[in-house]
Amino acid sequence: MISTIIIGFIIGVLAKFLYPGAQRLGIIMTTLLGIGGSVVASWVGQTMGWYAIGQPAGWIASTLGAIAILAIVSGLRK
């Protein structure tokens, strides 16, 4: 559980760094962003047949998933 939180935070920070523009997210929202990106990437990967059932997504796919969430949220805020 602790490792999920730490990895989620790192992925969230990477996504915020790579996504253009300023995102005003605190530590908790950044962590949830990273965890959500990993969940989205795992689901997409399993649906497309890239990952086996129960296999988590990697760092790159999780970061891309978090960036996708940031893009959707930014679009909805405008």
N, C-alpha and C. Protein backbone atom coordinates (compact mmCIF):
# COMPACT_ATOMS: atom_id res chain seq x y z
N MET A 1 0.82 -1.19 0.00
CA MET A 1 0.00 0.00 0.00
C MET A 1 0.87 1.27 0.00
N ILE A 2 1.89 1.28 0.82
CA ILE A 2 2.79 2.44 0.87
C ILE A 2 3.53 2.59 -0.46
N SER A 3 3.95 1.47 -1.04
CA SER A 3 4.67 1.56 -2.31
C SER A 3 3.76 2.08 -3.42
N THR A 4 2.48 1.73 -3.39
CA THR A 4 1.53 2.25 -4.37
C THR A 4 1.42 3.77 -4.26
N ILE A 5 1.38 4.26 -3.05
CA ILE A 5 1.27 5.70 -2.82
C ILE A 5 2.53 6.42 -3.30
N ILE A 6 3.68 5.87 -2.97
CA ILE A 6 4.95 6.51 -3.36
C ILE A 6 5.11 6.50 -4.88
N ILE A 7 4.85 5.35 -5.50
CA ILE A 7 4.98 5.26 -6.96
C ILE A 7 3.93 6.15 -7.64
N GLY A 8 2.71 6.19 -7.10
CA GLY A 8 1.68 7.07 -7.64
C GLY A 8 2.09 8.53 -7.58
N PHE A 9 2.73 8.93 -6.48
CA PHE A 9 3.20 10.30 -6.36
C PHE A 9 4.27 10.61 -7.40
N ILE A 10 5.22 9.70 -7.59
CA ILE A 10 6.29 9.91 -8.57
C ILE A 10 5.71 10.01 -9.97
N ILE A 11 4.78 9.14 -10.31
CA ILE A 11 4.16 9.19 -11.63
C ILE A 11 3.36 10.48 -11.81
N GLY A 12 2.66 10.91 -10.77
CA GLY A 12 1.92 12.17 -10.84
C GLY A 12 2.83 13.36 -11.05
N VAL A 13 3.96 13.37 -10.37
CA VAL A 13 4.93 14.47 -10.54
C VAL A 13 5.49 14.45 -11.97
N LEU A 14 5.82 13.27 -12.48
CA LEU A 14 6.31 13.17 -13.86
C LEU A 14 5.27 13.69 -14.85
N ALA A 15 4.02 13.31 -14.65
CA ALA A 15 2.95 13.75 -15.56
C ALA A 15 2.78 15.26 -15.51
N LYS A 16 2.81 15.84 -14.30
CA LYS A 16 2.68 17.29 -14.18
C LYS A 16 3.87 18.00 -14.83
N PHE A 17 5.05 17.41 -14.74
CA PHE A 17 6.24 18.00 -15.33
C PHE A 17 6.16 17.97 -16.86
N LEU A 18 5.67 16.87 -17.41
CA LEU A 18 5.64 16.70 -18.86
C LEU A 18 4.45 17.38 -19.53
N TYR A 19 3.35 17.58 -18.81
CA TYR A 19 2.17 18.21 -19.40
C TYR A 19 2.35 19.72 -19.40
N PRO A 20 2.14 20.36 -20.55
CA PRO A 20 2.35 21.82 -20.60
C PRO A 20 1.30 22.58 -19.81
N GLY A 21 1.71 23.68 -19.27
CA GLY A 21 0.81 24.53 -18.50
C GLY A 21 0.96 24.28 -17.01
N ALA A 22 0.31 25.13 -16.25
CA ALA A 22 0.39 25.02 -14.80
C ALA A 22 -0.82 24.25 -14.27
N GLN A 23 -0.54 23.26 -13.48
CA GLN A 23 -1.60 22.50 -12.82
C GLN A 23 -1.48 22.76 -11.32
N ARG A 24 -2.55 23.24 -10.75
CA ARG A 24 -2.54 23.53 -9.32
C ARG A 24 -3.12 22.33 -8.58
N LEU A 25 -2.26 21.34 -8.36
CA LEU A 25 -2.65 20.14 -7.63
C LEU A 25 -1.75 20.00 -6.41
N GLY A 26 -2.35 19.65 -5.30
CA GLY A 26 -1.57 19.41 -4.10
C GLY A 26 -0.94 18.02 -4.11
N ILE A 27 -0.35 17.66 -3.01
CA ILE A 27 0.33 16.38 -2.91
C ILE A 27 -0.65 15.22 -3.04
N ILE A 28 -1.79 15.33 -2.40
CA ILE A 28 -2.78 14.24 -2.44
C ILE A 28 -3.33 14.07 -3.85
N MET A 29 -3.69 15.17 -4.50
CA MET A 29 -4.23 15.07 -5.86
C MET A 29 -3.17 14.59 -6.85
N THR A 30 -1.92 14.98 -6.64
CA THR A 30 -0.83 14.50 -7.50
C THR A 30 -0.67 12.99 -7.35
N THR A 31 -0.76 12.51 -6.12
CA THR A 31 -0.66 11.07 -5.86
C THR A 31 -1.83 10.34 -6.49
N LEU A 32 -3.04 10.86 -6.32
CA LEU A 32 -4.21 10.24 -6.93
C LEU A 32 -4.15 10.27 -8.45
N LEU A 33 -3.57 11.32 -9.00
CA LEU A 33 -3.37 11.40 -10.45
C LEU A 33 -2.46 10.27 -10.93
N GLY A 34 -1.37 10.05 -10.24
CA GLY A 34 -0.44 8.99 -10.61
C GLY A 34 -1.06 7.60 -10.47
N ILE A 35 -1.79 7.38 -9.40
CA ILE A 35 -2.46 6.09 -9.21
C ILE A 35 -3.53 5.89 -10.28
N GLY A 36 -4.28 6.95 -10.56
CA GLY A 36 -5.30 6.87 -11.62
C GLY A 36 -4.70 6.62 -12.99
N GLY A 37 -3.57 7.24 -13.27
CA GLY A 37 -2.88 7.01 -14.54
C GLY A 37 -2.44 5.58 -14.69
N SER A 38 -1.98 4.99 -13.60
CA SER A 38 -1.57 3.59 -13.64
C SER A 38 -2.77 2.67 -13.85
N VAL A 39 -3.87 2.98 -13.20
CA VAL A 39 -5.09 2.17 -13.37
C VAL A 39 -5.60 2.26 -14.80
N VAL A 40 -5.63 3.48 -15.35
CA VAL A 40 -6.08 3.67 -16.73
C VAL A 40 -5.16 2.93 -17.70
N ALA A 41 -3.86 3.07 -17.52
CA ALA A 41 -2.91 2.41 -18.41
C ALA A 41 -3.01 0.89 -18.31
N SER A 42 -3.20 0.37 -17.11
CA SER A 42 -3.36 -1.08 -16.95
C SER A 42 -4.62 -1.57 -17.63
N TRP A 43 -5.71 -0.82 -17.47
CA TRP A 43 -6.98 -1.22 -18.08
C TRP A 43 -6.88 -1.20 -19.61
N VAL A 44 -6.31 -0.13 -20.15
CA VAL A 44 -6.16 -0.03 -21.60
C VAL A 44 -5.24 -1.14 -22.11
N GLY A 45 -4.14 -1.37 -21.42
CA GLY A 45 -3.20 -2.41 -21.83
C GLY A 45 -3.81 -3.80 -21.79
N GLN A 46 -4.62 -4.08 -20.79
CA GLN A 46 -5.28 -5.38 -20.70
C GLN A 46 -6.36 -5.51 -21.76
N THR A 47 -7.07 -4.44 -22.04
CA THR A 47 -8.11 -4.46 -23.07
C THR A 47 -7.50 -4.67 -24.45
N MET A 48 -6.36 -4.05 -24.70
CA MET A 48 -5.70 -4.17 -26.01
C MET A 48 -4.89 -5.46 -26.12
N GLY A 49 -4.73 -6.19 -25.04
CA GLY A 49 -3.99 -7.44 -25.07
C GLY A 49 -2.50 -7.28 -24.86
N TRP A 50 -2.06 -6.10 -24.42
CA TRP A 50 -0.64 -5.85 -24.19
C TRP A 50 -0.19 -6.43 -22.85
N TYR A 51 -1.09 -6.47 -21.88
CA TYR A 51 -0.78 -6.98 -20.55
C TYR A 51 -1.70 -8.13 -20.23
N ALA A 52 -1.21 -9.05 -19.43
CA ALA A 52 -2.05 -10.16 -18.96
C ALA A 52 -2.97 -9.63 -17.85
N ILE A 53 -4.03 -10.35 -17.59
CA ILE A 53 -4.96 -9.95 -16.53
C ILE A 53 -4.19 -9.94 -15.21
N GLY A 54 -4.29 -8.83 -14.49
CA GLY A 54 -3.60 -8.68 -13.22
C GLY A 54 -2.21 -8.11 -13.33
N GLN A 55 -1.69 -7.96 -14.54
CA GLN A 55 -0.35 -7.40 -14.73
C GLN A 55 -0.44 -5.87 -14.75
N PRO A 56 0.33 -5.19 -13.90
CA PRO A 56 0.26 -3.72 -13.89
C PRO A 56 1.00 -3.11 -15.07
N ALA A 57 0.65 -1.89 -15.36
CA ALA A 57 1.33 -1.15 -16.42
C ALA A 57 2.69 -0.70 -15.94
N GLY A 58 3.58 -0.40 -16.88
CA GLY A 58 4.92 0.07 -16.55
C GLY A 58 4.93 1.57 -16.27
N TRP A 59 6.11 2.07 -16.01
CA TRP A 59 6.28 3.49 -15.67
C TRP A 59 5.85 4.41 -16.80
N ILE A 60 6.27 4.09 -18.01
CA ILE A 60 5.97 4.96 -19.16
C ILE A 60 4.47 4.97 -19.44
N ALA A 61 3.87 3.80 -19.48
CA ALA A 61 2.43 3.73 -19.75
C ALA A 61 1.63 4.41 -18.64
N SER A 62 2.05 4.25 -17.40
CA SER A 62 1.36 4.90 -16.28
C SER A 62 1.46 6.41 -16.37
N THR A 63 2.64 6.90 -16.75
CA THR A 63 2.82 8.35 -16.91
C THR A 63 1.96 8.87 -18.05
N LEU A 64 1.90 8.13 -19.14
CA LEU A 64 1.04 8.54 -20.27
C LEU A 64 -0.43 8.52 -19.86
N GLY A 65 -0.82 7.55 -19.05
CA GLY A 65 -2.19 7.51 -18.55
C GLY A 65 -2.50 8.71 -17.68
N ALA A 66 -1.56 9.11 -16.84
CA ALA A 66 -1.75 10.29 -16.00
C ALA A 66 -1.81 11.56 -16.83
N ILE A 67 -1.00 11.63 -17.88
CA ILE A 67 -1.06 12.79 -18.79
C ILE A 67 -2.41 12.85 -19.48
N ALA A 68 -2.93 11.70 -19.87
CA ALA A 68 -4.26 11.67 -20.49
C ALA A 68 -5.32 12.17 -19.53
N ILE A 69 -5.22 11.80 -18.26
CA ILE A 69 -6.18 12.29 -17.26
C ILE A 69 -6.05 13.80 -17.11
N LEU A 70 -4.81 14.30 -17.07
CA LEU A 70 -4.60 15.75 -16.99
C LEU A 70 -5.20 16.48 -18.18
N ALA A 71 -5.05 15.91 -19.37
CA ALA A 71 -5.60 16.54 -20.58
C ALA A 71 -7.13 16.58 -20.51
N ILE A 72 -7.73 15.51 -20.06
CA ILE A 72 -9.20 15.47 -19.94
C ILE A 72 -9.68 16.49 -18.91
N VAL A 73 -9.04 16.53 -17.77
CA VAL A 73 -9.43 17.48 -16.73
C VAL A 73 -9.23 18.92 -17.19
N SER A 74 -8.13 19.19 -17.86
CA SER A 74 -7.89 20.54 -18.38
C SER A 74 -8.94 20.94 -19.41
N GLY A 75 -9.33 20.00 -20.25
CA GLY A 75 -10.38 20.27 -21.23
C GLY A 75 -11.72 20.53 -20.59
N LEU A 76 -12.02 19.82 -19.52
CA LEU A 76 -13.30 20.01 -18.83
C LEU A 76 -13.34 21.32 -18.04
N ARG A 77 -12.19 21.76 -17.57
CA ARG A 77 -12.14 23.02 -16.80
C ARG A 77 -12.35 24.24 -17.68
N LYS A 78 -12.04 24.14 -18.97
CA LYS A 78 -12.17 25.30 -19.87
C LYS A 78 -13.56 25.51 -20.33
